[in-house]
Amino acid sequence: MHIETSLTDPAVLPIKQRLLQRFAKAKEIVGPKWREKLALNDPFFDTRTGEAYMRSVAQAYSDAKRGHVDRIERVTLALERIAGIRSVPI
């Protein structure tokens, strides 16, 4: 059995890109004060570490080369909960 490790289908986006798309959708629904709403709804984001996560994801949204996929995932899933979006497995 051969396991393919390269991306053979260019239509399939990397996980990071898919997460950033989901982040954008949730951010649009929540609105311009998404950081404040996230901090109000999730105690983690009302900490210095949580603020750093949100800043990192905002930077990754502007420049996809930035940001760590685990941070993007955590912020995206929390934002989707606030937006009322049912999260699907990544």
C-alpha atoms as a PDB file:
ATOM      1  CA  MET A   1       0.000   0.000   0.000  1.00  0.00           C
ATOM      2  CA  HIS A   2       1.402   3.348  -1.050  1.00  0.00           C
ATOM      3  CA  ILE A   3       0.572   6.477   0.928  1.00  0.00           C
ATOM      4  CA  GLU A   4       0.724   9.659  -1.094  1.00  0.00           C
ATOM      5  CA  THR A   5       2.297  12.518   0.825  1.00  0.00           C
ATOM      6  CA  SER A   6       2.216  15.201  -1.839  1.00  0.00           C
ATOM      7  CA  LEU A   7      -0.782  17.291  -2.713  1.00  0.00           C
ATOM      8  CA  THR A   8      -2.034  15.767  -5.958  1.00  0.00           C
ATOM      9  CA  ASP A   9      -5.271  17.698  -6.203  1.00  0.00           C
ATOM     10  CA  PRO A  10      -4.595  21.430  -6.478  1.00  0.00           C
ATOM     11  CA  ALA A  11      -8.273  22.108  -5.680  1.00  0.00           C
ATOM     12  CA  VAL A  12      -7.712  20.867  -2.124  1.00  0.00           C
ATOM     13  CA  LEU A  13      -6.497  23.691   0.079  1.00  0.00           C
ATOM     14  CA  PRO A  14      -4.126  23.113   3.001  1.00  0.00           C
ATOM     15  CA  ILE A  15      -5.696  22.969   6.471  1.00  0.00           C
ATOM     16  CA  LYS A  16      -4.348  26.410   7.340  1.00  0.00           C
ATOM     17  CA  GLN A  17      -6.055  27.991   4.328  1.00  0.00           C
ATOM     18  CA  ARG A  18      -9.339  26.210   5.072  1.00  0.00           C
ATOM     19  CA  LEU A  19      -9.207  27.402   8.675  1.00  0.00           C
ATOM     20  CA  LEU A  20      -8.555  30.969   7.569  1.00  0.00           C
ATOM     21  CA  GLN A  21     -11.579  30.797   5.257  1.00  0.00           C
ATOM     22  CA  ARG A  22     -13.712  29.550   8.141  1.00  0.00           C
ATOM     23  CA  PHE A  23     -12.271  32.283  10.364  1.00  0.00           C
ATOM     24  CA  ALA A  24     -13.217  34.927   7.776  1.00  0.00           C
ATOM     25  CA  LYS A  25     -16.788  33.654   7.567  1.00  0.00           C
ATOM     26  CA  ALA A  26     -17.215  33.588  11.359  1.00  0.00           C
ATOM     27  CA  LYS A  27     -15.556  37.001  11.725  1.00  0.00           C
ATOM     28  CA  GLU A  28     -17.945  38.477   9.177  1.00  0.00           C
ATOM     29  CA  ILE A  29     -20.957  37.121  11.079  1.00  0.00           C
ATOM     30  CA  VAL A  30     -19.708  38.243  14.509  1.00  0.00           C
ATOM     31  CA  GLY A  31     -18.766  41.688  13.271  1.00  0.00           C
ATOM     32  CA  PRO A  32     -15.961  44.202  13.674  1.00  0.00           C
ATOM     33  CA  LYS A  33     -15.708  43.818  17.463  1.00  0.00           C
ATOM     34  CA  TRP A  34     -15.010  40.088  17.187  1.00  0.00           C
ATOM     35  CA  ARG A  35     -12.070  40.238  19.592  1.00  0.00           C
ATOM     36  CA  GLU A  36     -14.110  41.856  22.347  1.00  0.00           C
ATOM     37  CA  LYS A  37     -16.963  39.401  21.823  1.00  0.00           C
ATOM     38  CA  LEU A  38     -14.550  36.478  21.905  1.00  0.00           C
ATOM     39  CA  ALA A  39     -13.030  37.742  25.172  1.00  0.00           C
ATOM     40  CA  LEU A  40     -16.502  38.134  26.700  1.00  0.00           C
ATOM     41  CA  ASN A  41     -17.625  34.646  25.688  1.00  0.00           C
ATOM     42  CA  ASP A  42     -14.476  32.632  26.373  1.00  0.00           C
ATOM     43  CA  PRO A  43     -12.305  33.335  29.450  1.00  0.00           C
ATOM     44  CA  PHE A  44      -9.180  32.116  27.643  1.00  0.00           C
ATOM     45  CA  PHE A  45      -9.363  35.034  25.229  1.00  0.00           C
ATOM     46  CA  ASP A  46      -9.587  37.489  28.122  1.00  0.00           C
ATOM     47  CA  THR A  47      -5.947  36.720  28.986  1.00  0.00           C
ATOM     48  CA  ARG A  48      -2.620  37.868  27.573  1.00  0.00           C
ATOM     49  CA  THR A  49      -2.157  34.504  25.917  1.00  0.00           C
ATOM     50  CA  GLY A  50      -5.642  34.667  24.421  1.00  0.00           C
ATOM     51  CA  GLU A  51      -4.977  38.168  23.122  1.00  0.00           C
ATOM     52  CA  ALA A  52      -1.762  36.901  21.528  1.00  0.00           C
ATOM     53  CA  TYR A  53      -3.725  34.112  19.828  1.00  0.00           C
ATOM     54  CA  MET A  54      -6.241  36.575  18.402  1.00  0.00           C
ATOM     55  CA  ARG A  55      -3.483  38.923  17.215  1.00  0.00           C
ATOM     56  CA  SER A  56      -1.639  36.005  15.586  1.00  0.00           C
ATOM     57  CA  VAL A  57      -4.754  34.900  13.715  1.00  0.00           C
ATOM     58  CA  ALA A  58      -5.545  38.432  12.562  1.00  0.00           C
ATOM     59  CA  GLN A  59      -2.015  38.674  11.189  1.00  0.00           C
ATOM     60  CA  ALA A  60      -2.344  35.276   9.504  1.00  0.00           C
ATOM     61  CA  TYR A  61      -5.598  36.446   7.923  1.00  0.00           C
ATOM     62  CA  SER A  62      -3.718  39.371   6.377  1.00  0.00           C
ATOM     63  CA  ASP A  63      -0.646  37.310   5.477  1.00  0.00           C
ATOM     64  CA  ALA A  64      -1.185  33.545   5.286  1.00  0.00           C
ATOM     65  CA  LYS A  65       2.533  32.919   5.763  1.00  0.00           C
ATOM     66  CA  ARG A  66       2.099  34.060   9.343  1.00  0.00           C
ATOM     67  CA  GLY A  67       0.248  32.407  12.197  1.00  0.00           C
ATOM     68  CA  HIS A  68       0.346  28.930  13.630  1.00  0.00           C
ATOM     69  CA  VAL A  69      -2.323  26.485  12.532  1.00  0.00           C
ATOM     70  CA  ASP A  70      -3.134  25.422  16.124  1.00  0.00           C
ATOM     71  CA  ARG A  71      -3.751  29.027  17.148  1.00  0.00           C
ATOM     72  CA  ILE A  72      -5.857  29.602  14.058  1.00  0.00           C
ATOM     73  CA  GLU A  73      -7.894  26.515  14.887  1.00  0.00           C
ATOM     74  CA  ARG A  74      -8.539  27.541  18.491  1.00  0.00           C
ATOM     75  CA  VAL A  75      -9.655  31.054  17.560  1.00  0.00           C
ATOM     76  CA  THR A  76     -11.721  29.851  14.599  1.00  0.00           C
ATOM     77  CA  LEU A  77     -13.615  27.217  16.574  1.00  0.00           C
ATOM     78  CA  ALA A  78     -14.383  29.670  19.382  1.00  0.00           C
ATOM     79  CA  LEU A  79     -15.486  32.335  16.908  1.00  0.00           C
ATOM     80  CA  GLU A  80     -17.694  29.845  15.069  1.00  0.00           C
ATOM     81  CA  ARG A  81     -19.443  29.013  18.364  1.00  0.00           C
ATOM     82  CA  ILE A  82     -20.234  32.710  18.905  1.00  0.00           C
ATOM     83  CA  ALA A  83     -21.368  33.094  15.287  1.00  0.00           C
ATOM     84  CA  GLY A  84     -23.702  30.113  15.621  1.00  0.00           C
ATOM     85  CA  ILE A  85     -21.841  28.143  12.989  1.00  0.00           C
ATOM     86  CA  ARG A  86     -21.801  24.412  13.549  1.00  0.00           C
ATOM     87  CA  SER A  87     -18.147  23.437  13.391  1.00  0.00           C
ATOM     88  CA  VAL A  88     -17.156  20.560  11.188  1.00  0.00           C
ATOM     89  CA  PRO A  89     -14.039  18.418  11.693  1.00  0.00           C
ATOM     90  CA  ILE A  90     -10.883  19.873  10.275  1.00  0.00           C
END
